[in-house]
C-alpha atoms as a PDB file:
ATOM      1  CA  MET A   1       0.000   0.000   0.000  1.00  0.00           C
ATOM      2  CA  SER A   2       1.349   3.434  -0.935  1.00  0.00           C
ATOM      3  CA  SER A   3       1.919   6.177   1.634  1.00  0.00           C
ATOM      4  CA  ILE A   4      -1.035   8.134   0.241  1.00  0.00           C
ATOM      5  CA  ASP A   5      -3.337   5.115   0.389  1.00  0.00           C
ATOM      6  CA  THR A   6      -2.239   4.520   3.979  1.00  0.00           C
ATOM      7  CA  LEU A   7      -3.073   8.089   4.993  1.00  0.00           C
ATOM      8  CA  ILE A   8      -6.490   7.914   3.350  1.00  0.00           C
ATOM      9  CA  LYS A   9      -7.333   4.539   4.896  1.00  0.00           C
ATOM     10  CA  ARG A  10      -6.108   5.387   8.385  1.00  0.00           C
ATOM     11  CA  SER A  11      -8.159   8.615   8.468  1.00  0.00           C
ATOM     12  CA  GLY A  12     -11.381   6.877   7.432  1.00  0.00           C
ATOM     13  CA  VAL A  13     -11.877   9.143   4.413  1.00  0.00           C
ATOM     14  CA  HIS A  14     -15.261   8.926   2.672  1.00  0.00           C
ATOM     15  CA  ASP A  15     -15.049   7.264  -0.749  1.00  0.00           C
ATOM     16  CA  ASP A  16     -16.360  10.487  -2.333  1.00  0.00           C
ATOM     17  CA  TRP A  17     -13.024  12.147  -1.591  1.00  0.00           C
ATOM     18  CA  ARG A  18     -10.634   9.348  -2.430  1.00  0.00           C
ATOM     19  CA  GLN A  19      -9.585  10.388  -5.946  1.00  0.00           C
ATOM     20  CA  ILE A  20      -9.466  14.098  -5.142  1.00  0.00           C
ATOM     21  CA  LEU A  21      -7.228  13.421  -2.149  1.00  0.00           C
ATOM     22  CA  ILE A  22      -4.973  11.044  -4.072  1.00  0.00           C
ATOM     23  CA  GLU A  23      -4.327  13.797  -6.624  1.00  0.00           C
ATOM     24  CA  SER A  24      -3.930  16.494  -3.974  1.00  0.00           C
ATOM     25  CA  LEU A  25      -1.643  14.477  -1.702  1.00  0.00           C
ATOM     26  CA  SER A  26       0.542  13.599  -4.681  1.00  0.00           C
ATOM     27  CA  THR A  27       1.848  17.185  -4.514  1.00  0.00           C
ATOM     28  CA  LEU A  28       3.547  16.458  -1.171  1.00  0.00           C
ATOM     29  CA  ASP A  29       7.261  15.765  -1.021  1.00  0.00           C
ATOM     30  CA  SER A  30       7.585  11.968  -0.845  1.00  0.00           C
ATOM     31  CA  THR A  31      10.278  12.093   1.835  1.00  0.00           C
ATOM     32  CA  TYR A  32       8.159  14.387   3.976  1.00  0.00           C
ATOM     33  CA  LEU A  33       5.155  12.111   3.520  1.00  0.00           C
ATOM     34  CA  GLY A  34       7.165   9.045   4.469  1.00  0.00           C
ATOM     35  CA  ASP A  35       8.476  10.784   7.574  1.00  0.00           C
ATOM     36  CA  LEU A  36       4.922  11.526   8.718  1.00  0.00           C
ATOM     37  CA  LEU A  37       4.067   7.848   8.536  1.00  0.00           C
ATOM     38  CA  GLN A  38       7.055   6.948  10.721  1.00  0.00           C
ATOM     39  CA  ASP A  39       6.618   9.732  13.291  1.00  0.00           C
ATOM     40  CA  ASP A  40       4.003   9.814  16.053  1.00  0.00           C
ATOM     41  CA  GLU A  41       5.014  13.157  17.585  1.00  0.00           C
ATOM     42  CA  TRP A  42       2.956  15.428  15.358  1.00  0.00           C
ATOM     43  CA  LEU A  43      -0.681  16.462  15.709  1.00  0.00           C
ATOM     44  CA  PRO A  44      -3.404  15.453  15.098  1.00  0.00           C
ATOM     45  CA  GLY A  45      -1.733  12.137  14.176  1.00  0.00           C
ATOM     46  CA  ILE A  46      -2.094   9.791  11.237  1.00  0.00           C
ATOM     47  CA  ASP A  47      -5.550   8.522  12.241  1.00  0.00           C
ATOM     48  CA  ARG A  48      -7.000  12.058  12.295  1.00  0.00           C
ATOM     49  CA  LEU A  49      -4.977  13.872   9.633  1.00  0.00           C
ATOM     50  CA  LEU A  50      -7.772  13.757   7.023  1.00  0.00           C
ATOM     51  CA  ALA A  51     -10.723  13.488   9.420  1.00  0.00           C
ATOM     52  CA  ALA A  52     -12.406  16.516   7.812  1.00  0.00           C
ATOM     53  CA  PHE A  53     -13.030  14.299   4.779  1.00  0.00           C
ATOM     54  CA  GLN A  54     -15.015  11.627   6.591  1.00  0.00           C
ATOM     55  CA  ARG A  55     -18.212  13.350   5.451  1.00  0.00           C
ATOM     56  CA  ASP A  56     -19.696  12.988   1.947  1.00  0.00           C
ATOM     57  CA  ARG A  57     -18.710  15.378  -0.844  1.00  0.00           C
ATOM     58  CA  SER A  58     -22.047  16.021  -2.519  1.00  0.00           C
ATOM     59  CA  GLY A  59     -23.515  17.927   0.416  1.00  0.00           C
ATOM     60  CA  VAL A  60     -20.681  20.433   0.792  1.00  0.00           C
ATOM     61  CA  ARG A  61     -21.821  24.060   0.500  1.00  0.00           C
ATOM     62  CA  TYR A  62     -19.245  25.818   2.699  1.00  0.00           C
ATOM     63  CA  LEU A  63     -15.500  25.283   2.951  1.00  0.00           C
ATOM     64  CA  LEU A  64     -14.200  26.616   6.266  1.00  0.00           C
ATOM     65  CA  ILE A  65     -10.413  26.793   6.312  1.00  0.00           C
ATOM     66  CA  GLY A  66      -8.531  27.107   9.575  1.00  0.00           C
ATOM     67  CA  GLU A  67      -4.814  27.587  10.077  1.00  0.00           C
ATOM     68  CA  SER A  68      -3.394  24.544  11.883  1.00  0.00           C
ATOM     69  CA  PRO A  69      -4.332  21.946  14.533  1.00  0.00           C
ATOM     70  CA  TYR A  70      -4.719  22.795  18.206  1.00  0.00           C
ATOM     71  CA  PRO A  71      -1.356  22.425  20.001  1.00  0.00           C
ATOM     72  CA  ARG A  72      -2.762  19.885  22.498  1.00  0.00           C
ATOM     73  CA  ARG A  73      -3.131  16.180  21.753  1.00  0.00           C
ATOM     74  CA  GLU A  74      -6.493  15.966  23.508  1.00  0.00           C
ATOM     75  CA  SER A  75      -7.851  18.877  21.434  1.00  0.00           C
ATOM     76  CA  ALA A  76      -6.479  18.279  17.916  1.00  0.00           C
ATOM     77  CA  ASN A  77      -8.787  16.055  15.876  1.00  0.00           C
ATOM     78  CA  GLY A  78      -8.277  17.045  12.223  1.00  0.00           C
ATOM     79  CA  ILE A  79     -11.374  19.248  11.982  1.00  0.00           C
ATOM     80  CA  ALA A  80     -10.833  23.010  11.963  1.00  0.00           C
ATOM     81  CA  PHE A  81     -12.016  24.899  15.062  1.00  0.00           C
ATOM     82  CA  TYR A  82     -13.235  21.682  16.717  1.00  0.00           C
ATOM     83  CA  ASP A  83     -11.599  21.349  20.143  1.00  0.00           C
ATOM     84  CA  ALA A  84     -12.010  17.647  20.917  1.00  0.00           C
ATOM     85  CA  ALA A  85     -11.341  18.293  24.615  1.00  0.00           C
ATOM     86  CA  VAL A  86     -14.606  20.245  24.909  1.00  0.00           C
ATOM     87  CA  ASP A  87     -17.795  18.308  25.596  1.00  0.00           C
ATOM     88  CA  GLY A  88     -20.782  20.188  27.057  1.00  0.00           C
ATOM     89  CA  LEU A  89     -21.668  23.681  25.835  1.00  0.00           C
ATOM     90  CA  TRP A  90     -23.655  24.876  28.818  1.00  0.00           C
ATOM     91  CA  SER A  91     -23.502  25.092  32.606  1.00  0.00           C
ATOM     92  CA  ASP A  92     -25.677  26.553  35.357  1.00  0.00           C
ATOM     93  CA  GLN A  93     -23.563  29.714  35.031  1.00  0.00           C
ATOM     94  CA  GLY A  94     -24.108  30.067  31.252  1.00  0.00           C
ATOM     95  CA  LEU A  95     -21.465  28.697  28.917  1.00  0.00           C
ATOM     96  CA  SER A  96     -19.499  25.733  30.238  1.00  0.00           C
ATOM     97  CA  LYS A  97     -16.095  26.458  31.703  1.00  0.00           C
ATOM     98  CA  ALA A  98     -14.340  24.816  28.731  1.00  0.00           C
ATOM     99  CA  VAL A  99     -16.275  26.869  26.168  1.00  0.00           C
ATOM    100  CA  ASN A 100     -15.907  30.098  28.110  1.00  0.00           C
ATOM    101  CA  ARG A 101     -12.142  29.553  28.321  1.00  0.00           C
ATOM    102  CA  ALA A 102     -11.794  28.967  24.547  1.00  0.00           C
ATOM    103  CA  THR A 103     -12.066  32.490  23.125  1.00  0.00           C
ATOM    104  CA  SER A 104     -12.817  31.633  19.495  1.00  0.00           C
ATOM    105  CA  LEU A 105     -15.342  28.960  20.400  1.00  0.00           C
ATOM    106  CA  ARG A 106     -16.995  31.250  22.943  1.00  0.00           C
ATOM    107  CA  ASN A 107     -17.455  33.953  20.302  1.00  0.00           C
ATOM    108  CA  ILE A 108     -18.767  31.463  17.730  1.00  0.00           C
ATOM    109  CA  VAL A 109     -21.439  30.250  20.166  1.00  0.00           C
ATOM    110  CA  LYS A 110     -22.375  33.804  21.119  1.00  0.00           C
ATOM    111  CA  THR A 111     -22.638  34.753  17.432  1.00  0.00           C
ATOM    112  CA  ALA A 112     -24.995  31.828  16.883  1.00  0.00           C
ATOM    113  CA  LEU A 113     -27.129  32.815  19.893  1.00  0.00           C
ATOM    114  CA  VAL A 114     -27.521  36.357  18.555  1.00  0.00           C
ATOM    115  CA  ALA A 115     -28.027  35.275  14.940  1.00  0.00           C
ATOM    116  CA  GLU A 116     -30.749  32.794  15.881  1.00  0.00           C
ATOM    117  CA  GLY A 117     -32.577  35.493  17.851  1.00  0.00           C
ATOM    118  CA  ARG A 118     -32.121  33.742  21.185  1.00  0.00           C
ATOM    119  CA  LEU A 119     -30.217  36.591  22.846  1.00  0.00           C
ATOM    120  CA  HIS A 120     -29.619  40.295  22.419  1.00  0.00           C
ATOM    121  CA  LYS A 121     -26.748  42.333  23.769  1.00  0.00           C
ATOM    122  CA  ASP A 122     -27.421  44.202  27.004  1.00  0.00           C
ATOM    123  CA  ALA A 123     -27.252  47.975  27.495  1.00  0.00           C
ATOM    124  CA  ASP A 124     -23.472  47.753  27.743  1.00  0.00           C
ATOM    125  CA  GLY A 125     -23.224  45.862  24.460  1.00  0.00           C
ATOM    126  CA  LYS A 126     -22.361  42.556  26.137  1.00  0.00           C
ATOM    127  CA  ILE A 127     -23.668  38.996  26.153  1.00  0.00           C
ATOM    128  CA  THR A 128     -23.264  37.935  29.758  1.00  0.00           C
ATOM    129  CA  GLN A 129     -22.977  34.549  31.372  1.00  0.00           C
ATOM    130  CA  HIS A 130     -26.086  35.394  33.392  1.00  0.00           C
ATOM    131  CA  ALA A 131     -28.129  36.032  30.235  1.00  0.00           C
ATOM    132  CA  ILE A 132     -26.982  32.725  28.759  1.00  0.00           C
ATOM    133  CA  ALA A 133     -27.767  30.921  32.022  1.00  0.00           C
ATOM    134  CA  GLU A 134     -31.330  32.242  31.906  1.00  0.00           C
ATOM    135  CA  LEU A 135     -31.987  30.825  28.420  1.00  0.00           C
ATOM    136  CA  ASP A 136     -34.351  27.926  27.911  1.00  0.00           C
ATOM    137  CA  LYS A 137     -32.035  25.397  26.279  1.00  0.00           C
ATOM    138  CA  HIS A 138     -34.418  22.468  25.802  1.00  0.00           C
ATOM    139  CA  ASP A 139     -34.276  22.794  21.995  1.00  0.00           C
ATOM    140  CA  LEU A 140     -30.529  23.484  21.789  1.00  0.00           C
ATOM    141  CA  VAL A 141     -27.718  21.035  21.116  1.00  0.00           C
ATOM    142  CA  GLN A 142     -25.959  20.257  24.365  1.00  0.00           C
ATOM    143  CA  THR A 143     -22.460  19.349  23.221  1.00  0.00           C
ATOM    144  CA  LEU A 144     -19.757  20.615  20.905  1.00  0.00           C
ATOM    145  CA  ALA A 145     -20.073  17.359  18.979  1.00  0.00           C
ATOM    146  CA  GLY A 146     -23.735  18.205  18.397  1.00  0.00           C
ATOM    147  CA  LEU A 147     -22.860  21.694  17.173  1.00  0.00           C
ATOM    148  CA  PHE A 148     -20.321  20.342  14.683  1.00  0.00           C
ATOM    149  CA  ALA A 149     -22.748  17.650  13.545  1.00  0.00           C
ATOM    150  CA  ASN A 150     -25.153  20.491  12.729  1.00  0.00           C
ATOM    151  CA  LEU A 151     -22.425  22.282  10.804  1.00  0.00           C
ATOM    152  CA  GLU A 152     -21.794  19.125   8.787  1.00  0.00           C
ATOM    153  CA  ARG A 153     -25.513  18.705   8.069  1.00  0.00           C
ATOM    154  CA  ALA A 154     -25.589  22.344   6.910  1.00  0.00           C
ATOM    155  CA  GLY A 155     -22.875  21.535   4.357  1.00  0.00           C
ATOM    156  CA  PHE A 156     -19.667  22.571   6.122  1.00  0.00           C
ATOM    157  CA  LEU A 157     -16.306  21.002   5.303  1.00  0.00           C
ATOM    158  CA  MET A 158     -13.836  22.169   7.952  1.00  0.00           C
ATOM    159  CA  LEU A 159     -10.121  21.675   7.356  1.00  0.00           C
ATOM    160  CA  ASN A 160      -6.861  23.362   8.265  1.00  0.00           C
ATOM    161  CA  ALA A 161      -4.654  24.906   5.585  1.00  0.00           C
ATOM    162  CA  THR A 162      -1.664  23.332   7.364  1.00  0.00           C
ATOM    163  CA  PRO A 163      -3.071  20.077   8.739  1.00  0.00           C
ATOM    164  CA  VAL A 164       0.106  19.052  10.604  1.00  0.00           C
ATOM    165  CA  LEU A 165       1.574  20.615  13.737  1.00  0.00           C
ATOM    166  CA  HIS A 166       5.035  19.215  14.436  1.00  0.00           C
ATOM    167  CA  PRO A 167       6.979  19.976  17.635  1.00  0.00           C
ATOM    168  CA  GLY A 168      10.257  19.882  15.741  1.00  0.00           C
ATOM    169  CA  ARG A 169       9.375  22.379  13.000  1.00  0.00           C
ATOM    170  CA  LYS A 170       8.102  25.932  12.919  1.00  0.00           C
ATOM    171  CA  PRO A 171       4.495  26.266  11.621  1.00  0.00           C
ATOM    172  CA  THR A 172       5.719  28.550   8.821  1.00  0.00           C
ATOM    173  CA  LEU A 173       7.973  25.770   7.534  1.00  0.00           C
ATOM    174  CA  GLU A 174       5.218  23.163   7.867  1.00  0.00           C
ATOM    175  CA  ALA A 175       2.882  25.401   5.885  1.00  0.00           C
ATOM    176  CA  ARG A 176       5.250  25.357   2.891  1.00  0.00           C
ATOM    177  CA  TYR A 177       4.922  21.591   2.610  1.00  0.00           C
ATOM    178  CA  TRP A 178       1.119  21.901   2.342  1.00  0.00           C
ATOM    179  CA  GLN A 179       0.586  24.996   0.211  1.00  0.00           C
ATOM    180  CA  GLU A 180       0.615  23.183  -3.130  1.00  0.00           C
ATOM    181  CA  PHE A 181      -1.676  20.521  -1.655  1.00  0.00           C
ATOM    182  CA  LEU A 182      -4.204  23.201  -0.693  1.00  0.00           C
ATOM    183  CA  GLU A 183      -4.023  24.843  -4.126  1.00  0.00           C
ATOM    184  CA  ARG A 184      -4.640  21.522  -5.895  1.00  0.00           C
ATOM    185  CA  LEU A 185      -7.396  20.585  -3.451  1.00  0.00           C
ATOM    186  CA  LEU A 186      -9.261  23.855  -4.012  1.00  0.00           C
ATOM    187  CA  MET A 187      -8.988  23.447  -7.760  1.00  0.00           C
ATOM    188  CA  LEU A 188     -10.273  19.862  -7.705  1.00  0.00           C
ATOM    189  CA  ILE A 189     -13.150  20.521  -5.288  1.00  0.00           C
ATOM    190  CA  ALA A 190     -14.430  23.358  -7.463  1.00  0.00           C
ATOM    191  CA  ALA A 191     -14.009  21.335 -10.659  1.00  0.00           C
ATOM    192  CA  ASN A 192     -15.945  18.391  -9.235  1.00  0.00           C
ATOM    193  CA  SER A 193     -18.791  20.242  -7.508  1.00  0.00           C
ATOM    194  CA  VAL A 194     -22.238  20.647  -9.034  1.00  0.00           C
ATOM    195  CA  GLN A 195     -22.912  23.802  -7.031  1.00  0.00           C
ATOM    196  CA  ARG A 196     -20.714  26.803  -6.303  1.00  0.00           C
ATOM    197  CA  ILE A 197     -19.161  26.521  -2.844  1.00  0.00           C
ATOM    198  CA  THR A 198     -18.533  29.398  -0.445  1.00  0.00           C
ATOM    199  CA  LEU A 199     -15.117  29.780   1.154  1.00  0.00           C
ATOM    200  CA  LEU A 200     -15.220  30.945   4.762  1.00  0.00           C
ATOM    201  CA  LEU A 201     -11.951  32.739   5.493  1.00  0.00           C
ATOM    202  CA  TRP A 202     -11.460  33.945   9.053  1.00  0.00           C
ATOM    203  CA  GLY A 203      -8.448  36.046   9.952  1.00  0.00           C
ATOM    204  CA  LYS A 204      -5.022  35.960   8.331  1.00  0.00           C
ATOM    205  CA  ILE A 205      -5.735  32.704   6.490  1.00  0.00           C
ATOM    206  CA  ALA A 206      -7.724  34.839   4.039  1.00  0.00           C
ATOM    207  CA  LYS A 207      -4.567  36.363   2.560  1.00  0.00           C
ATOM    208  CA  LEU A 208      -3.067  32.933   1.824  1.00  0.00           C
ATOM    209  CA  VAL A 209      -6.192  31.542   0.190  1.00  0.00           C
ATOM    210  CA  GLU A 210      -7.272  34.639  -1.722  1.00  0.00           C
ATOM    211  CA  ASP A 211      -3.855  34.764  -3.401  1.00  0.00           C
ATOM    212  CA  MET A 212      -4.455  31.326  -4.908  1.00  0.00           C
ATOM    213  CA  PRO A 213      -5.921  31.427  -8.441  1.00  0.00           C
ATOM    214  CA  ALA A 214      -8.171  28.473  -7.555  1.00  0.00           C
ATOM    215  CA  SER A 215     -10.046  30.651  -5.059  1.00  0.00           C
ATOM    216  CA  GLU A 216     -11.633  32.519  -7.972  1.00  0.00           C
ATOM    217  CA  ASN A 217     -13.874  29.493  -8.474  1.00  0.00           C
ATOM    218  CA  TYR A 218     -15.587  30.119  -5.133  1.00  0.00           C
ATOM    219  CA  ASP A 219     -17.800  32.667  -3.485  1.00  0.00           C
ATOM    220  CA  LYS A 220     -16.103  34.055  -0.370  1.00  0.00           C
ATOM    221  CA  LEU A 221     -17.045  35.283   3.069  1.00  0.00           C
ATOM    222  CA  VAL A 222     -14.002  36.989   4.563  1.00  0.00           C
ATOM    223  CA  CYS A 223     -13.979  38.397   8.070  1.00  0.00           C
ATOM    224  CA  GLU A 224     -11.940  38.738  11.243  1.00  0.00           C
ATOM    225  CA  HIS A 225     -10.875  35.673  13.188  1.00  0.00           C
ATOM    226  CA  PRO A 226     -13.473  34.610  15.794  1.00  0.00           C
ATOM    227  CA  TYR A 227     -10.840  35.252  18.446  1.00  0.00           C
ATOM    228  CA  ASN A 228     -11.860  38.919  17.998  1.00  0.00           C
ATOM    229  CA  ILE A 229     -15.002  39.964  19.855  1.00  0.00           C
ATOM    230  CA  SER A 230     -16.051  42.015  16.809  1.00  0.00           C
ATOM    231  CA  PHE A 231     -16.759  38.671  15.095  1.00  0.00           C
ATOM    232  CA  ILE A 232     -20.077  38.632  16.986  1.00  0.00           C
ATOM    233  CA  ASP A 233     -21.153  41.837  15.217  1.00  0.00           C
ATOM    234  CA  ASN A 234     -19.999  40.871  11.735  1.00  0.00           C
ATOM    235  CA  PRO A 235     -23.110  41.144   9.520  1.00  0.00           C
ATOM    236  CA  ASP A 236     -21.969  38.397   7.137  1.00  0.00           C
ATOM    237  CA  MET A 237     -21.429  35.969  10.008  1.00  0.00           C
ATOM    238  CA  LEU A 238     -24.751  36.871  11.623  1.00  0.00           C
ATOM    239  CA  LYS A 239     -26.513  36.231   8.325  1.00  0.00           C
ATOM    240  CA  LEU A 240     -24.689  32.924   7.861  1.00  0.00           C
ATOM    241  CA  PHE A 241     -25.416  31.669  11.370  1.00  0.00           C
ATOM    242  CA  ALA A 242     -29.031  32.752  11.110  1.00  0.00           C
ATOM    243  CA  ALA A 243     -29.367  30.593   8.005  1.00  0.00           C
ATOM    244  CA  VAL A 244     -27.643  27.444   9.269  1.00  0.00           C
ATOM    245  CA  ARG A 245     -28.927  27.542  12.899  1.00  0.00           C
ATOM    246  CA  VAL A 246     -26.109  25.458  14.313  1.00  0.00           C
ATOM    247  CA  LEU A 247     -27.505  25.488  17.864  1.00  0.00           C
ATOM    248  CA  GLN A 248     -30.905  24.080  16.967  1.00  0.00           C
ATOM    249  CA  LYS A 249     -31.404  20.509  18.156  1.00  0.00           C
ATOM    250  CA  PRO A 250     -32.279  18.343  15.103  1.00  0.00           C
ATOM    251  CA  ALA A 251     -35.830  17.081  14.829  1.00  0.00           C
ATOM    252  CA  PRO A 252     -36.251  13.407  15.850  1.00  0.00           C
ATOM    253  CA  GLY A 253     -35.834  10.953  13.011  1.00  0.00           C
END
């Protein structure tokens, strides 16, 4: 079995993506690829490297591109912005401690609450823990896994531009190994999609992706990184979250 086949198999990639990923991964330096297969120090690890592609291809409407995996083994899982160490979203105080501590995730959840009309900012322009605690949450997803399952159902594919974080290399060097992969991947996704996909570019990743000619084949929503509190007021993000309703518990069946 080739190195590329091994990566695809170990990550449980959906068959829809197999050929696209074979062509995209073929851009990687063969020595670099072989080293990844022999090294277990990097994140998220061989079994999660391509986890973003476990979903089907036909339902993809949005391509959310993050920067790189979380720098903690318990958090990195191959899906952009998904902190695998976080479970419950809520607590008696409002947001759970884990969500409240994760700035980007906290702002994403608050944006969804505002966009879905569940909360409004107070007189000081804030969304407080007390206000969140007072919400009736019976029809809301209860876990981060539930939120990301909703994102997937809404057509999100969530991957990192540099999917490997290695303790022995600077992220800027790692990114060089993957830039051609990302360019080829964007080209092939657009060429094989029946509908035009929207790129979601948050923060400095936008500059990298927008400079790629393949990005011209996509619609784009570009805004600040959700680490910034102004993300909650971004009209494009409020419109997007209002449409996808990621906090709504799915109907039974």
